[in-house]
Amino acid sequence: MRRHSSRRPWPPASACLETDHPDTLQSSSNLAILYWNQGRYADAEPLFLATLATRKRVLGDDHPDTLKSSNNLAILYNDQGRYGEAEPLHLETLATRKRVLGDDHPDTFKSRNNLASL
């Protein structure tokens, strides 16, 4: 059986998929979340912002993945004490989730909880 050579790694995702492909966007979001969890807020923020902007453009403002990106950015701001930036994002995400997903959807409850944590 032939094994994958460590001298020839897989090409980066950007070489295989477009930057606005859903899988590429998910990878970008995952990396931002990793940085955030490590406390590397300065590294996480530009990835969150870029992912949110691209998801809005590609998927639209009401798509669940776009709303997750908005929610994640708001929590990042909250974790840094940037409440003035976090609150409008939390309010917007909550309003959109209520309209799109309904009052009883788990993501809507998450948004309520996140807003209450300010």
C-alpha atoms as a PDB file:
ATOM      1  CA  MET A   1       0.000   0.000   0.000  1.00  0.00           C
ATOM      2  CA  ARG A   2       1.336   3.390  -0.961  1.00  0.00           C
ATOM      3  CA  ARG A   3       1.475   5.963   1.797  1.00  0.00           C
ATOM      4  CA  HIS A   4       1.132   9.689   1.444  1.00  0.00           C
ATOM      5  CA  SER A   5       4.536  11.311   1.364  1.00  0.00           C
ATOM      6  CA  SER A   6       5.147  13.947   4.001  1.00  0.00           C
ATOM      7  CA  ARG A   7       7.271  15.791   1.448  1.00  0.00           C
ATOM      8  CA  ARG A   8       4.221  16.437  -0.706  1.00  0.00           C
ATOM      9  CA  PRO A   9       1.526  17.818   1.588  1.00  0.00           C
ATOM     10  CA  TRP A  10      -1.983  18.438   0.410  1.00  0.00           C
ATOM     11  CA  PRO A  11      -2.381  21.797  -1.287  1.00  0.00           C
ATOM     12  CA  PRO A  12      -4.013  24.522   0.782  1.00  0.00           C
ATOM     13  CA  ALA A  13      -7.793  24.738   0.547  1.00  0.00           C
ATOM     14  CA  SER A  14      -7.487  28.032  -1.310  1.00  0.00           C
ATOM     15  CA  ALA A  15      -5.716  26.175  -4.147  1.00  0.00           C
ATOM     16  CA  CYS A  16      -8.653  23.775  -4.499  1.00  0.00           C
ATOM     17  CA  LEU A  17     -11.690  25.854  -3.604  1.00  0.00           C
ATOM     18  CA  GLU A  18     -12.648  29.444  -4.230  1.00  0.00           C
ATOM     19  CA  THR A  19     -12.429  31.867  -1.292  1.00  0.00           C
ATOM     20  CA  ASP A  20     -16.216  32.172  -1.220  1.00  0.00           C
ATOM     21  CA  HIS A  21     -16.892  28.413  -1.273  1.00  0.00           C
ATOM     22  CA  PRO A  22     -18.918  27.332   1.804  1.00  0.00           C
ATOM     23  CA  ASP A  23     -16.200  24.872   2.889  1.00  0.00           C
ATOM     24  CA  THR A  24     -13.507  27.537   2.648  1.00  0.00           C
ATOM     25  CA  LEU A  25     -15.694  29.909   4.669  1.00  0.00           C
ATOM     26  CA  GLN A  26     -16.256  27.234   7.301  1.00  0.00           C
ATOM     27  CA  SER A  27     -12.518  26.618   7.529  1.00  0.00           C
ATOM     28  CA  SER A  28     -11.904  30.340   7.962  1.00  0.00           C
ATOM     29  CA  SER A  29     -14.546  30.486  10.671  1.00  0.00           C
ATOM     30  CA  ASN A  30     -13.054  27.443  12.409  1.00  0.00           C
ATOM     31  CA  LEU A  31      -9.601  29.033  12.414  1.00  0.00           C
ATOM     32  CA  ALA A  32     -11.046  32.259  13.832  1.00  0.00           C
ATOM     33  CA  ILE A  33     -12.758  30.249  16.591  1.00  0.00           C
ATOM     34  CA  LEU A  34      -9.467  28.487  17.370  1.00  0.00           C
ATOM     35  CA  TYR A  35      -7.677  31.835  17.691  1.00  0.00           C
ATOM     36  CA  TRP A  36     -10.518  33.188  19.821  1.00  0.00           C
ATOM     37  CA  ASN A  37     -10.372  30.181  22.149  1.00  0.00           C
ATOM     38  CA  GLN A  38      -6.612  30.710  22.476  1.00  0.00           C
ATOM     39  CA  GLY A  39      -7.175  34.344  23.421  1.00  0.00           C
ATOM     40  CA  ARG A  40      -5.608  35.491  20.147  1.00  0.00           C
ATOM     41  CA  TYR A  41      -8.298  38.103  19.566  1.00  0.00           C
ATOM     42  CA  ALA A  42      -6.217  40.223  17.183  1.00  0.00           C
ATOM     43  CA  ASP A  43      -5.799  37.178  14.925  1.00  0.00           C
ATOM     44  CA  ALA A  44      -9.425  36.075  15.235  1.00  0.00           C
ATOM     45  CA  GLU A  45     -11.117  39.405  14.496  1.00  0.00           C
ATOM     46  CA  PRO A  46     -10.010  39.888  10.863  1.00  0.00           C
ATOM     47  CA  LEU A  47     -11.010  36.315  10.055  1.00  0.00           C
ATOM     48  CA  PHE A  48     -14.421  36.772  11.673  1.00  0.00           C
ATOM     49  CA  LEU A  49     -14.926  40.071   9.815  1.00  0.00           C
ATOM     50  CA  ALA A  50     -13.884  38.632   6.440  1.00  0.00           C
ATOM     51  CA  THR A  51     -15.994  35.507   6.898  1.00  0.00           C
ATOM     52  CA  LEU A  52     -19.026  37.555   7.900  1.00  0.00           C
ATOM     53  CA  ALA A  53     -18.647  39.921   4.934  1.00  0.00           C
ATOM     54  CA  THR A  54     -18.246  37.065   2.462  1.00  0.00           C
ATOM     55  CA  ARG A  55     -21.138  35.079   3.902  1.00  0.00           C
ATOM     56  CA  LYS A  56     -23.375  38.161   3.670  1.00  0.00           C
ATOM     57  CA  ARG A  57     -22.379  38.626   0.041  1.00  0.00           C
ATOM     58  CA  VAL A  58     -22.610  34.956  -0.965  1.00  0.00           C
ATOM     59  CA  LEU A  59     -25.334  33.549   1.295  1.00  0.00           C
ATOM     60  CA  GLY A  60     -27.307  36.651   2.254  1.00  0.00           C
ATOM     61  CA  ASP A  61     -28.029  38.357   5.568  1.00  0.00           C
ATOM     62  CA  ASP A  62     -30.625  35.787   6.681  1.00  0.00           C
ATOM     63  CA  HIS A  63     -28.648  32.583   6.135  1.00  0.00           C
ATOM     64  CA  PRO A  64     -27.971  30.606   9.339  1.00  0.00           C
ATOM     65  CA  ASP A  65     -24.211  30.540   8.640  1.00  0.00           C
ATOM     66  CA  THR A  66     -24.177  34.323   8.228  1.00  0.00           C
ATOM     67  CA  LEU A  67     -26.028  34.663  11.515  1.00  0.00           C
ATOM     68  CA  LYS A  68     -23.498  32.373  13.224  1.00  0.00           C
ATOM     69  CA  SER A  69     -20.683  34.578  11.927  1.00  0.00           C
ATOM     70  CA  SER A  70     -22.401  37.694  13.252  1.00  0.00           C
ATOM     71  CA  ASN A  71     -22.991  35.996  16.583  1.00  0.00           C
ATOM     72  CA  ASN A  72     -19.354  34.885  16.857  1.00  0.00           C
ATOM     73  CA  LEU A  73     -18.051  38.378  16.128  1.00  0.00           C
ATOM     74  CA  ALA A  74     -20.391  39.853  18.746  1.00  0.00           C
ATOM     75  CA  ILE A  75     -19.158  37.360  21.355  1.00  0.00           C
ATOM     76  CA  LEU A  76     -15.547  38.152  20.461  1.00  0.00           C
ATOM     77  CA  TYR A  77     -16.250  41.843  21.072  1.00  0.00           C
ATOM     78  CA  ASN A  78     -18.055  40.989  24.307  1.00  0.00           C
ATOM     79  CA  ASP A  79     -15.104  38.899  25.525  1.00  0.00           C
ATOM     80  CA  GLN A  80     -12.829  41.897  24.984  1.00  0.00           C
ATOM     81  CA  GLY A  81     -15.115  44.286  26.855  1.00  0.00           C
ATOM     82  CA  ARG A  82     -16.060  46.044  23.607  1.00  0.00           C
ATOM     83  CA  TYR A  83     -19.712  46.182  24.617  1.00  0.00           C
ATOM     84  CA  GLY A  84     -20.573  49.141  22.382  1.00  0.00           C
ATOM     85  CA  GLU A  85     -19.617  47.052  19.351  1.00  0.00           C
ATOM     86  CA  ALA A  86     -21.075  43.803  20.680  1.00  0.00           C
ATOM     87  CA  GLU A  87     -24.548  45.050  21.573  1.00  0.00           C
ATOM     88  CA  PRO A  88     -25.715  46.164  18.099  1.00  0.00           C
ATOM     89  CA  LEU A  89     -24.504  42.883  16.593  1.00  0.00           C
ATOM     90  CA  HIS A  90     -26.282  40.868  19.284  1.00  0.00           C
ATOM     91  CA  LEU A  91     -29.493  42.881  18.757  1.00  0.00           C
ATOM     92  CA  GLU A  92     -29.353  42.518  14.980  1.00  0.00           C
ATOM     93  CA  THR A  93     -28.604  38.785  15.161  1.00  0.00           C
ATOM     94  CA  LEU A  94     -31.410  38.205  17.654  1.00  0.00           C
ATOM     95  CA  ALA A  95     -33.943  40.129  15.569  1.00  0.00           C
ATOM     96  CA  THR A  96     -32.996  38.283  12.392  1.00  0.00           C
ATOM     97  CA  ARG A  97     -33.008  34.872  14.082  1.00  0.00           C
ATOM     98  CA  LYS A  98     -36.460  35.575  15.550  1.00  0.00           C
ATOM     99  CA  ARG A  99     -37.775  36.569  12.122  1.00  0.00           C
ATOM    100  CA  VAL A 100     -36.085  33.758  10.159  1.00  0.00           C
ATOM    101  CA  LEU A 101     -35.933  30.877  12.632  1.00  0.00           C
ATOM    102  CA  GLY A 102     -38.734  31.730  15.056  1.00  0.00           C
ATOM    103  CA  ASP A 103     -38.878  32.501  18.772  1.00  0.00           C
ATOM    104  CA  ASP A 104     -38.429  28.885  19.872  1.00  0.00           C
ATOM    105  CA  HIS A 105     -35.400  27.932  17.768  1.00  0.00           C
ATOM    106  CA  PRO A 106     -32.269  26.975  19.765  1.00  0.00           C
ATOM    107  CA  ASP A 107     -30.160  29.576  17.931  1.00  0.00           C
ATOM    108  CA  THR A 108     -32.674  32.279  18.858  1.00  0.00           C
ATOM    109  CA  PHE A 109     -32.339  31.227  22.505  1.00  0.00           C
ATOM    110  CA  LYS A 110     -28.544  31.436  22.154  1.00  0.00           C
ATOM    111  CA  SER A 111     -28.869  34.989  20.867  1.00  0.00           C
ATOM    112  CA  ARG A 112     -31.090  35.967  23.793  1.00  0.00           C
ATOM    113  CA  ASN A 113     -28.599  34.466  26.196  1.00  0.00           C
ATOM    114  CA  ASN A 114     -25.673  36.228  24.527  1.00  0.00           C
ATOM    115  CA  LEU A 115     -27.445  39.571  24.686  1.00  0.00           C
ATOM    116  CA  ALA A 116     -28.241  39.032  28.355  1.00  0.00           C
ATOM    117  CA  SER A 117     -24.565  38.331  29.059  1.00  0.00           C
ATOM    118  CA  LEU A 118     -23.539  41.897  28.177  1.00  0.00           C
END
